[in-house]
């Protein structure tokens, strides 16, 4: 059965050594791995973190944190080079922690979280962005392959990216990159906004899919939104997906006027019961799909 994991941001950001005790808590709640944000150089001791993970019996997948200063899409050479070096650093960090996957919006060019508005570009610049992403992913992919790590490129919704938003666009990019260590990840939250059909998008991704984030359309706990999980997991089964499935239920029970849902906030109550139910919910769909094969 696919391992099911939980994003570290569910509890804290940044996630530091003082939070290591939460690894065993995640395991108790039914999670097999943690999706850990790639730590900045001063955030975590990697050897200590790996030991804490192993002591808790918890696996790990890494989520990259790009910005405008480490940006494969950028025409600024310093920002582009920063993007390539960051992906190499992320791969090195993954290897040190015992992780095999680094996923996220690796192509860069963040929008809302970088305070940058989208704007149209001429076709020559669109093609140039693609060429920079291809070159950067190949170079970083070479480095990742040497240490046994796979880079997983994630399409984001139109409010968070203006270079990679759909599975079809990701397929075009991966066709051009054509590197065994550069694959794809999908997130149903973003897919709800940009894909005509979630199951068809999963089928399109096929064997290029190496990481999957199972998130509701409103970022709530799985089973509380509009996602057709039966169709989603049937499609994952059809492509033979055996990789990790992680949860990112960021949205809190706070519907007061003016509270920005896009802004990360630490939990204000114990969510253990709902987190445990979420793991059980996703695992039940995985098991049901496998049973029906």
C-alpha atoms as a PDB file:
ATOM      1  CA  UNK A   1       0.000   0.000   0.000  1.00  0.00           C
ATOM      2  CA  UNK A   2       1.110   3.558  -0.693  1.00  0.00           C
ATOM      3  CA  UNK A   3       2.761   5.233   2.296  1.00  0.00           C
ATOM      4  CA  UNK A   4       0.685   8.125   3.624  1.00  0.00           C
ATOM      5  CA  UNK A   5       2.383  11.201   5.076  1.00  0.00           C
ATOM      6  CA  UNK A   6       1.746  14.585   6.652  1.00  0.00           C
ATOM      7  CA  UNK A   7       3.303  17.962   5.881  1.00  0.00           C
ATOM      8  CA  UNK A   8       5.479  19.336   8.683  1.00  0.00           C
ATOM      9  CA  UNK A   9       3.748  22.718   8.380  1.00  0.00           C
ATOM     10  CA  UNK A  10       0.702  21.137   9.949  1.00  0.00           C
ATOM     11  CA  UNK A  11       2.449  21.766  13.244  1.00  0.00           C
ATOM     12  CA  UNK A  12       5.163  24.348  12.823  1.00  0.00           C
ATOM     13  CA  UNK A  13       7.055  26.575  10.418  1.00  0.00           C
ATOM     14  CA  UNK A  14       9.985  26.517  10.620  1.00  0.00           C
ATOM     15  CA  UNK A  15      10.210  22.951  11.861  1.00  0.00           C
ATOM     16  CA  UNK A  16      13.224  22.726  14.169  1.00  0.00           C
ATOM     17  CA  UNK A  17      14.792  20.333  16.669  1.00  0.00           C
ATOM     18  CA  UNK A  18      12.292  21.386  19.328  1.00  0.00           C
ATOM     19  CA  UNK A  19       9.610  19.726  17.206  1.00  0.00           C
ATOM     20  CA  UNK A  20      11.302  16.321  16.844  1.00  0.00           C
ATOM     21  CA  UNK A  21       8.928  14.842  19.417  1.00  0.00           C
ATOM     22  CA  UNK A  22       6.148  15.330  16.861  1.00  0.00           C
ATOM     23  CA  UNK A  23       7.641  12.636  14.619  1.00  0.00           C
ATOM     24  CA  UNK A  24       6.492   9.902  16.978  1.00  0.00           C
ATOM     25  CA  UNK A  25       3.142  11.657  17.307  1.00  0.00           C
ATOM     26  CA  UNK A  26       2.669  11.561  13.538  1.00  0.00           C
ATOM     27  CA  UNK A  27       3.460   7.853  13.581  1.00  0.00           C
ATOM     28  CA  UNK A  28       0.913   7.275  16.349  1.00  0.00           C
ATOM     29  CA  UNK A  29      -1.721   9.072  14.277  1.00  0.00           C
ATOM     30  CA  UNK A  30      -1.204   6.646  11.399  1.00  0.00           C
ATOM     31  CA  UNK A  31       1.283   8.439   9.162  1.00  0.00           C
ATOM     32  CA  UNK A  32       4.169   6.653   7.490  1.00  0.00           C
ATOM     33  CA  UNK A  33       6.295   9.679   6.589  1.00  0.00           C
ATOM     34  CA  UNK A  34       6.617  13.404   7.065  1.00  0.00           C
ATOM     35  CA  UNK A  35       6.799  15.818   4.151  1.00  0.00           C
ATOM     36  CA  UNK A  36       9.434  18.166   5.487  1.00  0.00           C
ATOM     37  CA  UNK A  37      10.158  21.568   3.995  1.00  0.00           C
ATOM     38  CA  UNK A  38      13.745  21.650   2.796  1.00  0.00           C
ATOM     39  CA  UNK A  39      15.455  23.194   5.824  1.00  0.00           C
ATOM     40  CA  UNK A  40      17.488  26.311   5.372  1.00  0.00           C
ATOM     41  CA  UNK A  41      21.169  25.781   6.307  1.00  0.00           C
ATOM     42  CA  UNK A  42      20.709  27.054   9.873  1.00  0.00           C
ATOM     43  CA  UNK A  43      17.406  25.353  10.707  1.00  0.00           C
ATOM     44  CA  UNK A  44      18.258  21.706  11.339  1.00  0.00           C
ATOM     45  CA  UNK A  45      21.223  19.458  12.021  1.00  0.00           C
ATOM     46  CA  UNK A  46      20.717  16.828   9.342  1.00  0.00           C
ATOM     47  CA  UNK A  47      22.341  13.941  11.213  1.00  0.00           C
ATOM     48  CA  UNK A  48      20.222  14.647  14.296  1.00  0.00           C
ATOM     49  CA  UNK A  49      17.100  14.970  12.165  1.00  0.00           C
ATOM     50  CA  UNK A  50      17.738  11.675  10.422  1.00  0.00           C
ATOM     51  CA  UNK A  51      18.239   9.931  13.757  1.00  0.00           C
ATOM     52  CA  UNK A  52      15.016  11.430  15.123  1.00  0.00           C
ATOM     53  CA  UNK A  53      13.131  10.207  12.060  1.00  0.00           C
ATOM     54  CA  UNK A  54      14.599   6.724  12.336  1.00  0.00           C
ATOM     55  CA  UNK A  55      13.876   6.562  16.070  1.00  0.00           C
ATOM     56  CA  UNK A  56      10.236   7.390  15.342  1.00  0.00           C
ATOM     57  CA  UNK A  57      10.046   4.914  12.455  1.00  0.00           C
ATOM     58  CA  UNK A  58       9.026   7.716  10.121  1.00  0.00           C
ATOM     59  CA  UNK A  59      10.012   8.141   6.488  1.00  0.00           C
ATOM     60  CA  UNK A  60      10.613  11.509   4.856  1.00  0.00           C
ATOM     61  CA  UNK A  61       9.941  13.361   1.594  1.00  0.00           C
ATOM     62  CA  UNK A  62      11.221  16.903   1.042  1.00  0.00           C
ATOM     63  CA  UNK A  63       9.296  19.919  -0.237  1.00  0.00           C
ATOM     64  CA  UNK A  64      11.371  22.627  -1.924  1.00  0.00           C
ATOM     65  CA  UNK A  65      11.005  26.324  -1.079  1.00  0.00           C
ATOM     66  CA  UNK A  66      11.776  28.445  -4.125  1.00  0.00           C
ATOM     67  CA  UNK A  67      11.677  32.222  -4.297  1.00  0.00           C
ATOM     68  CA  UNK A  68      12.601  34.998  -6.702  1.00  0.00           C
ATOM     69  CA  UNK A  69      16.276  34.746  -5.738  1.00  0.00           C
ATOM     70  CA  UNK A  70      16.416  31.005  -6.577  1.00  0.00           C
ATOM     71  CA  UNK A  71      14.357  30.924  -9.695  1.00  0.00           C
ATOM     72  CA  UNK A  72      14.948  28.689 -12.724  1.00  0.00           C
ATOM     73  CA  UNK A  73      12.574  30.786 -14.824  1.00  0.00           C
ATOM     74  CA  UNK A  74      14.415  34.050 -14.270  1.00  0.00           C
ATOM     75  CA  UNK A  75      16.289  35.943 -16.956  1.00  0.00           C
ATOM     76  CA  UNK A  76      18.526  37.296 -14.199  1.00  0.00           C
ATOM     77  CA  UNK A  77      21.614  35.088 -14.217  1.00  0.00           C
ATOM     78  CA  UNK A  78      22.166  35.306 -10.470  1.00  0.00           C
ATOM     79  CA  UNK A  79      18.573  34.271  -9.716  1.00  0.00           C
ATOM     80  CA  UNK A  80      18.738  31.460 -12.282  1.00  0.00           C
ATOM     81  CA  UNK A  81      22.029  30.147 -10.916  1.00  0.00           C
ATOM     82  CA  UNK A  82      20.608  30.444  -7.424  1.00  0.00           C
ATOM     83  CA  UNK A  83      17.713  28.247  -8.520  1.00  0.00           C
ATOM     84  CA  UNK A  84      20.002  25.540  -9.889  1.00  0.00           C
ATOM     85  CA  UNK A  85      22.245  25.564  -6.833  1.00  0.00           C
ATOM     86  CA  UNK A  86      19.244  25.453  -4.523  1.00  0.00           C
ATOM     87  CA  UNK A  87      17.937  22.305  -6.204  1.00  0.00           C
ATOM     88  CA  UNK A  88      21.357  20.710  -5.817  1.00  0.00           C
ATOM     89  CA  UNK A  89      21.363  21.717  -2.159  1.00  0.00           C
ATOM     90  CA  UNK A  90      17.863  20.285  -1.734  1.00  0.00           C
ATOM     91  CA  UNK A  91      18.982  17.002  -3.280  1.00  0.00           C
ATOM     92  CA  UNK A  92      22.035  16.868  -1.002  1.00  0.00           C
ATOM     93  CA  UNK A  93      19.780  17.529   1.986  1.00  0.00           C
ATOM     94  CA  UNK A  94      17.428  14.754   0.909  1.00  0.00           C
ATOM     95  CA  UNK A  95      20.294  12.281   0.628  1.00  0.00           C
ATOM     96  CA  UNK A  96      21.571  13.250   4.081  1.00  0.00           C
ATOM     97  CA  UNK A  97      18.122  12.697   5.587  1.00  0.00           C
ATOM     98  CA  UNK A  98      17.481   9.426   3.768  1.00  0.00           C
ATOM     99  CA  UNK A  99      14.817  10.902   1.478  1.00  0.00           C
ATOM    100  CA  UNK A 100      14.494   9.845  -2.160  1.00  0.00           C
ATOM    101  CA  UNK A 101      12.238  12.665  -3.424  1.00  0.00           C
ATOM    102  CA  UNK A 102      12.379  16.454  -3.495  1.00  0.00           C
ATOM    103  CA  UNK A 103       9.121  17.879  -4.805  1.00  0.00           C
ATOM    104  CA  UNK A 104       7.606  21.287  -5.292  1.00  0.00           C
ATOM    105  CA  UNK A 105       7.350  24.183  -7.763  1.00  0.00           C
ATOM    106  CA  UNK A 106      10.940  23.691  -8.867  1.00  0.00           C
ATOM    107  CA  UNK A 107      10.525  25.913 -11.923  1.00  0.00           C
ATOM    108  CA  UNK A 108      10.273  28.972  -9.659  1.00  0.00           C
ATOM    109  CA  UNK A 109       8.548  32.254 -10.557  1.00  0.00           C
ATOM    110  CA  UNK A 110       6.256  32.326  -7.497  1.00  0.00           C
ATOM    111  CA  UNK A 111       3.370  34.785  -7.582  1.00  0.00           C
ATOM    112  CA  UNK A 112       1.199  35.555  -4.569  1.00  0.00           C
ATOM    113  CA  UNK A 113       3.679  34.369  -1.952  1.00  0.00           C
ATOM    114  CA  UNK A 114       6.398  36.474  -3.548  1.00  0.00           C
ATOM    115  CA  UNK A 115       4.175  39.546  -3.806  1.00  0.00           C
ATOM    116  CA  UNK A 116       4.486  39.500  -7.586  1.00  0.00           C
ATOM    117  CA  UNK A 117       1.575  40.057  -9.956  1.00  0.00           C
ATOM    118  CA  UNK A 118       1.344  37.932 -13.125  1.00  0.00           C
ATOM    119  CA  UNK A 119       1.765  39.709 -16.418  1.00  0.00           C
ATOM    120  CA  UNK A 120       1.756  38.568 -20.037  1.00  0.00           C
ATOM    121  CA  UNK A 121       5.089  37.975 -21.754  1.00  0.00           C
ATOM    122  CA  UNK A 122       6.009  37.834 -25.398  1.00  0.00           C
ATOM    123  CA  UNK A 123       6.311  34.375 -26.894  1.00  0.00           C
ATOM    124  CA  UNK A 124      10.077  34.706 -27.177  1.00  0.00           C
ATOM    125  CA  UNK A 125      10.287  35.171 -23.399  1.00  0.00           C
ATOM    126  CA  UNK A 126       7.870  32.310 -22.788  1.00  0.00           C
ATOM    127  CA  UNK A 127      10.130  30.023 -24.789  1.00  0.00           C
ATOM    128  CA  UNK A 128      13.197  31.426 -23.040  1.00  0.00           C
ATOM    129  CA  UNK A 129      11.691  30.609 -19.661  1.00  0.00           C
ATOM    130  CA  UNK A 130      11.065  27.074 -20.801  1.00  0.00           C
ATOM    131  CA  UNK A 131      14.627  26.746 -22.080  1.00  0.00           C
ATOM    132  CA  UNK A 132      16.036  27.995 -18.771  1.00  0.00           C
ATOM    133  CA  UNK A 133      13.857  25.551 -16.822  1.00  0.00           C
ATOM    134  CA  UNK A 134      14.929  22.676 -19.057  1.00  0.00           C
ATOM    135  CA  UNK A 135      18.624  23.501 -18.718  1.00  0.00           C
ATOM    136  CA  UNK A 136      18.380  24.028 -14.963  1.00  0.00           C
ATOM    137  CA  UNK A 137      16.435  20.840 -14.336  1.00  0.00           C
ATOM    138  CA  UNK A 138      18.898  18.833 -16.420  1.00  0.00           C
ATOM    139  CA  UNK A 139      21.860  20.189 -14.496  1.00  0.00           C
ATOM    140  CA  UNK A 140      20.195  19.688 -11.120  1.00  0.00           C
ATOM    141  CA  UNK A 141      18.892  16.309 -12.302  1.00  0.00           C
ATOM    142  CA  UNK A 142      22.419  15.134 -13.091  1.00  0.00           C
ATOM    143  CA  UNK A 143      23.468  16.028  -9.562  1.00  0.00           C
ATOM    144  CA  UNK A 144      20.401  14.408  -7.987  1.00  0.00           C
ATOM    145  CA  UNK A 145      20.833  11.214  -9.992  1.00  0.00           C
ATOM    146  CA  UNK A 146      24.376  10.749  -8.720  1.00  0.00           C
ATOM    147  CA  UNK A 147      23.120  10.642  -5.123  1.00  0.00           C
ATOM    148  CA  UNK A 148      19.947   8.643  -5.697  1.00  0.00           C
ATOM    149  CA  UNK A 149      17.407  11.469  -5.450  1.00  0.00           C
ATOM    150  CA  UNK A 150      14.492  12.269  -7.769  1.00  0.00           C
ATOM    151  CA  UNK A 151      13.283  15.814  -8.389  1.00  0.00           C
ATOM    152  CA  UNK A 152       9.496  16.083  -8.742  1.00  0.00           C
ATOM    153  CA  UNK A 153       8.143  19.163 -10.516  1.00  0.00           C
ATOM    154  CA  UNK A 154       4.772  20.396  -9.265  1.00  0.00           C
ATOM    155  CA  UNK A 155       2.215  22.402 -11.285  1.00  0.00           C
ATOM    156  CA  UNK A 156       0.585  25.133  -9.174  1.00  0.00           C
ATOM    157  CA  UNK A 157      -2.641  27.056  -9.629  1.00  0.00           C
ATOM    158  CA  UNK A 158      -2.748  30.278 -11.627  1.00  0.00           C
ATOM    159  CA  UNK A 159      -2.461  32.451  -8.506  1.00  0.00           C
ATOM    160  CA  UNK A 160       0.810  30.837  -7.428  1.00  0.00           C
ATOM    161  CA  UNK A 161       2.607  30.283 -10.744  1.00  0.00           C
ATOM    162  CA  UNK A 162       2.637  31.757 -14.226  1.00  0.00           C
ATOM    163  CA  UNK A 163       4.965  29.168 -15.754  1.00  0.00           C
ATOM    164  CA  UNK A 164       3.578  25.758 -14.761  1.00  0.00           C
ATOM    165  CA  UNK A 165      -0.086  25.254 -13.857  1.00  0.00           C
ATOM    166  CA  UNK A 166      -1.360  22.034 -15.464  1.00  0.00           C
ATOM    167  CA  UNK A 167      -0.376  18.411 -15.912  1.00  0.00           C
ATOM    168  CA  UNK A 168      -0.225  18.924 -19.671  1.00  0.00           C
ATOM    169  CA  UNK A 169       2.264  21.765 -19.236  1.00  0.00           C
ATOM    170  CA  UNK A 170       4.318  19.579 -16.904  1.00  0.00           C
ATOM    171  CA  UNK A 171       4.329  16.795 -19.491  1.00  0.00           C
ATOM    172  CA  UNK A 172       5.600  19.229 -22.123  1.00  0.00           C
ATOM    173  CA  UNK A 173       8.359  20.341 -19.779  1.00  0.00           C
ATOM    174  CA  UNK A 174       9.379  16.798 -18.831  1.00  0.00           C
ATOM    175  CA  UNK A 175       9.395  15.761 -22.487  1.00  0.00           C
ATOM    176  CA  UNK A 176      11.905  18.532 -23.109  1.00  0.00           C
ATOM    177  CA  UNK A 177      13.990  17.793 -20.002  1.00  0.00           C
ATOM    178  CA  UNK A 178      14.029  14.057 -20.736  1.00  0.00           C
ATOM    179  CA  UNK A 179      15.951  13.149 -17.577  1.00  0.00           C
ATOM    180  CA  UNK A 180      15.434   9.987 -15.501  1.00  0.00           C
ATOM    181  CA  UNK A 181      15.855  11.889 -12.229  1.00  0.00           C
ATOM    182  CA  UNK A 182      13.298  14.598 -13.074  1.00  0.00           C
ATOM    183  CA  UNK A 183       9.680  13.542 -12.707  1.00  0.00           C
ATOM    184  CA  UNK A 184       6.338  15.013 -11.595  1.00  0.00           C
ATOM    185  CA  UNK A 185       4.221  15.476  -8.508  1.00  0.00           C
ATOM    186  CA  UNK A 186       0.552  16.459  -8.411  1.00  0.00           C
ATOM    187  CA  UNK A 187      -1.559  18.176  -5.775  1.00  0.00           C
ATOM    188  CA  UNK A 188      -5.346  17.827  -5.947  1.00  0.00           C
ATOM    189  CA  UNK A 189      -5.812  21.288  -4.403  1.00  0.00           C
ATOM    190  CA  UNK A 190      -4.150  22.933  -7.396  1.00  0.00           C
ATOM    191  CA  UNK A 191      -5.684  20.420  -9.797  1.00  0.00           C
ATOM    192  CA  UNK A 192      -9.196  21.394  -8.708  1.00  0.00           C
ATOM    193  CA  UNK A 193      -8.557  24.871 -10.100  1.00  0.00           C
ATOM    194  CA  UNK A 194      -6.716  24.003 -13.285  1.00  0.00           C
ATOM    195  CA  UNK A 195      -7.692  20.522 -14.497  1.00  0.00           C
ATOM    196  CA  UNK A 196     -10.942  19.736 -16.286  1.00  0.00           C
ATOM    197  CA  UNK A 197     -10.902  16.260 -14.761  1.00  0.00           C
ATOM    198  CA  UNK A 198      -8.643  15.104 -11.919  1.00  0.00           C
ATOM    199  CA  UNK A 199      -8.676  11.440 -12.908  1.00  0.00           C
ATOM    200  CA  UNK A 200      -7.809  12.182 -16.535  1.00  0.00           C
ATOM    201  CA  UNK A 201      -4.914  14.383 -15.446  1.00  0.00           C
ATOM    202  CA  UNK A 202      -3.554  11.561 -13.279  1.00  0.00           C
ATOM    203  CA  UNK A 203      -3.836   9.150 -16.191  1.00  0.00           C
ATOM    204  CA  UNK A 204      -1.976  11.646 -18.373  1.00  0.00           C
ATOM    205  CA  UNK A 205       0.866  11.865 -15.850  1.00  0.00           C
ATOM    206  CA  UNK A 206       1.211   8.081 -15.873  1.00  0.00           C
ATOM    207  CA  UNK A 207       4.542   6.663 -14.813  1.00  0.00           C
ATOM    208  CA  UNK A 208       6.076  10.121 -14.500  1.00  0.00           C
ATOM    209  CA  UNK A 209       4.165  10.636 -11.261  1.00  0.00           C
ATOM    210  CA  UNK A 210       6.427   9.984  -8.245  1.00  0.00           C
ATOM    211  CA  UNK A 211       4.730  11.983  -5.484  1.00  0.00           C
ATOM    212  CA  UNK A 212       1.076  12.796  -4.842  1.00  0.00           C
ATOM    213  CA  UNK A 213      -0.555  15.266  -2.463  1.00  0.00           C
ATOM    214  CA  UNK A 214      -4.126  14.361  -1.523  1.00  0.00           C
ATOM    215  CA  UNK A 215      -5.736  17.671  -0.615  1.00  0.00           C
ATOM    216  CA  UNK A 216      -9.323  18.856  -0.588  1.00  0.00           C
ATOM    217  CA  UNK A 217     -10.524  21.597  -2.901  1.00  0.00           C
ATOM    218  CA  UNK A 218     -10.697  23.948   0.120  1.00  0.00           C
ATOM    219  CA  UNK A 219      -7.485  22.691   1.792  1.00  0.00           C
ATOM    220  CA  UNK A 220      -9.498  21.143   4.592  1.00  0.00           C
ATOM    221  CA  UNK A 221      -9.297  17.652   6.035  1.00  0.00           C
ATOM    222  CA  UNK A 222      -9.835  14.893   3.439  1.00  0.00           C
ATOM    223  CA  UNK A 223     -13.467  13.873   3.139  1.00  0.00           C
ATOM    224  CA  UNK A 224     -14.830  17.303   4.072  1.00  0.00           C
ATOM    225  CA  UNK A 225     -14.770  18.830   0.582  1.00  0.00           C
ATOM    226  CA  UNK A 226     -15.838  18.167  -2.992  1.00  0.00           C
ATOM    227  CA  UNK A 227     -13.053  15.830  -4.148  1.00  0.00           C
ATOM    228  CA  UNK A 228     -14.172  12.560  -5.748  1.00  0.00           C
ATOM    229  CA  UNK A 229     -11.627  10.411  -3.926  1.00  0.00           C
ATOM    230  CA  UNK A 230     -12.927   7.184  -5.443  1.00  0.00           C
ATOM    231  CA  UNK A 231     -12.161   8.489  -8.940  1.00  0.00           C
ATOM    232  CA  UNK A 232      -8.791   9.869  -7.820  1.00  0.00           C
ATOM    233  CA  UNK A 233      -7.563   6.632  -6.299  1.00  0.00           C
ATOM    234  CA  UNK A 234      -9.009   4.546  -9.111  1.00  0.00           C
ATOM    235  CA  UNK A 235      -6.897   6.616 -11.532  1.00  0.00           C
ATOM    236  CA  UNK A 236      -3.813   6.238  -9.336  1.00  0.00           C
ATOM    237  CA  UNK A 237      -4.381   2.498  -9.316  1.00  0.00           C
ATOM    238  CA  UNK A 238      -4.786   2.444 -13.104  1.00  0.00           C
ATOM    239  CA  UNK A 239      -1.342   3.974 -13.610  1.00  0.00           C
ATOM    240  CA  UNK A 240       0.171   1.600 -11.063  1.00  0.00           C
ATOM    241  CA  UNK A 241       1.147   4.379  -8.687  1.00  0.00           C
ATOM    242  CA  UNK A 242       2.948   2.986  -5.626  1.00  0.00           C
ATOM    243  CA  UNK A 243       4.587   6.178  -4.396  1.00  0.00           C
ATOM    244  CA  UNK A 244       3.965   8.417  -1.389  1.00  0.00           C
ATOM    245  CA  UNK A 245       0.657  10.183  -0.742  1.00  0.00           C
ATOM    246  CA  UNK A 246       0.904  13.209   1.547  1.00  0.00           C
ATOM    247  CA  UNK A 247      -1.706  15.398   3.216  1.00  0.00           C
ATOM    248  CA  UNK A 248      -1.617  19.180   3.669  1.00  0.00           C
ATOM    249  CA  UNK A 249      -4.879  20.147   5.398  1.00  0.00           C
ATOM    250  CA  UNK A 250      -3.867  23.740   6.060  1.00  0.00           C
ATOM    251  CA  UNK A 251      -7.264  25.316   6.445  1.00  0.00           C
ATOM    252  CA  UNK A 252      -8.309  25.789  10.063  1.00  0.00           C
ATOM    253  CA  UNK A 253     -11.834  25.990  11.455  1.00  0.00           C
ATOM    254  CA  UNK A 254     -11.821  29.753  11.265  1.00  0.00           C
ATOM    255  CA  UNK A 255     -14.328  31.338   8.918  1.00  0.00           C
ATOM    256  CA  UNK A 256     -14.306  34.818  10.425  1.00  0.00           C
ATOM    257  CA  UNK A 257     -14.628  37.654   7.954  1.00  0.00           C
ATOM    258  CA  UNK A 258     -11.292  38.843   6.632  1.00  0.00           C
ATOM    259  CA  UNK A 259      -9.145  35.919   7.834  1.00  0.00           C
ATOM    260  CA  UNK A 260      -6.739  35.230   4.919  1.00  0.00           C
ATOM    261  CA  UNK A 261      -6.841  31.525   4.065  1.00  0.00           C
ATOM    262  CA  UNK A 262      -3.662  31.814   2.019  1.00  0.00           C
ATOM    263  CA  UNK A 263      -1.637  32.820   5.065  1.00  0.00           C
ATOM    264  CA  UNK A 264      -0.130  29.965   7.084  1.00  0.00           C
ATOM    265  CA  UNK A 265      -1.140  29.975  10.721  1.00  0.00           C
ATOM    266  CA  UNK A 266      -0.102  27.595  13.507  1.00  0.00           C
ATOM    267  CA  UNK A 267      -2.841  25.364  14.924  1.00  0.00           C
ATOM    268  CA  UNK A 268      -4.894  26.938  17.670  1.00  0.00           C
ATOM    269  CA  UNK A 269      -6.316  23.637  18.904  1.00  0.00           C
ATOM    270  CA  UNK A 270      -5.425  19.947  19.080  1.00  0.00           C
ATOM    271  CA  UNK A 271      -6.180  18.466  15.659  1.00  0.00           C
ATOM    272  CA  UNK A 272      -5.036  14.927  16.463  1.00  0.00           C
ATOM    273  CA  UNK A 273      -8.456  13.345  16.065  1.00  0.00           C
ATOM    274  CA  UNK A 274      -9.035  14.896  12.660  1.00  0.00           C
ATOM    275  CA  UNK A 275      -5.498  14.120  11.516  1.00  0.00           C
ATOM    276  CA  UNK A 276      -5.885  10.484  12.524  1.00  0.00           C
ATOM    277  CA  UNK A 277      -9.257  10.301  10.778  1.00  0.00           C
ATOM    278  CA  UNK A 278      -7.688  11.859   7.656  1.00  0.00           C
ATOM    279  CA  UNK A 279      -4.954   9.208   7.524  1.00  0.00           C
ATOM    280  CA  UNK A 280      -7.559   6.472   7.970  1.00  0.00           C
ATOM    281  CA  UNK A 281      -9.768   8.035   5.298  1.00  0.00           C
ATOM    282  CA  UNK A 282      -7.019   8.126   2.677  1.00  0.00           C
ATOM    283  CA  UNK A 283      -5.732   4.656   3.552  1.00  0.00           C
ATOM    284  CA  UNK A 284      -9.247   3.234   3.309  1.00  0.00           C
ATOM    285  CA  UNK A 285      -9.542   4.542  -0.257  1.00  0.00           C
ATOM    286  CA  UNK A 286      -6.162   3.095  -1.167  1.00  0.00           C
ATOM    287  CA  UNK A 287      -7.098  -0.294   0.300  1.00  0.00           C
ATOM    288  CA  UNK A 288     -10.556  -0.287  -1.306  1.00  0.00           C
ATOM    289  CA  UNK A 289      -9.079   0.434  -4.721  1.00  0.00           C
ATOM    290  CA  UNK A 290      -6.508  -2.343  -4.312  1.00  0.00           C
ATOM    291  CA  UNK A 291      -9.222  -4.754  -3.119  1.00  0.00           C
ATOM    292  CA  UNK A 292     -11.345  -4.093  -6.204  1.00  0.00           C
ATOM    293  CA  UNK A 293      -8.596  -4.684  -8.718  1.00  0.00           C
END
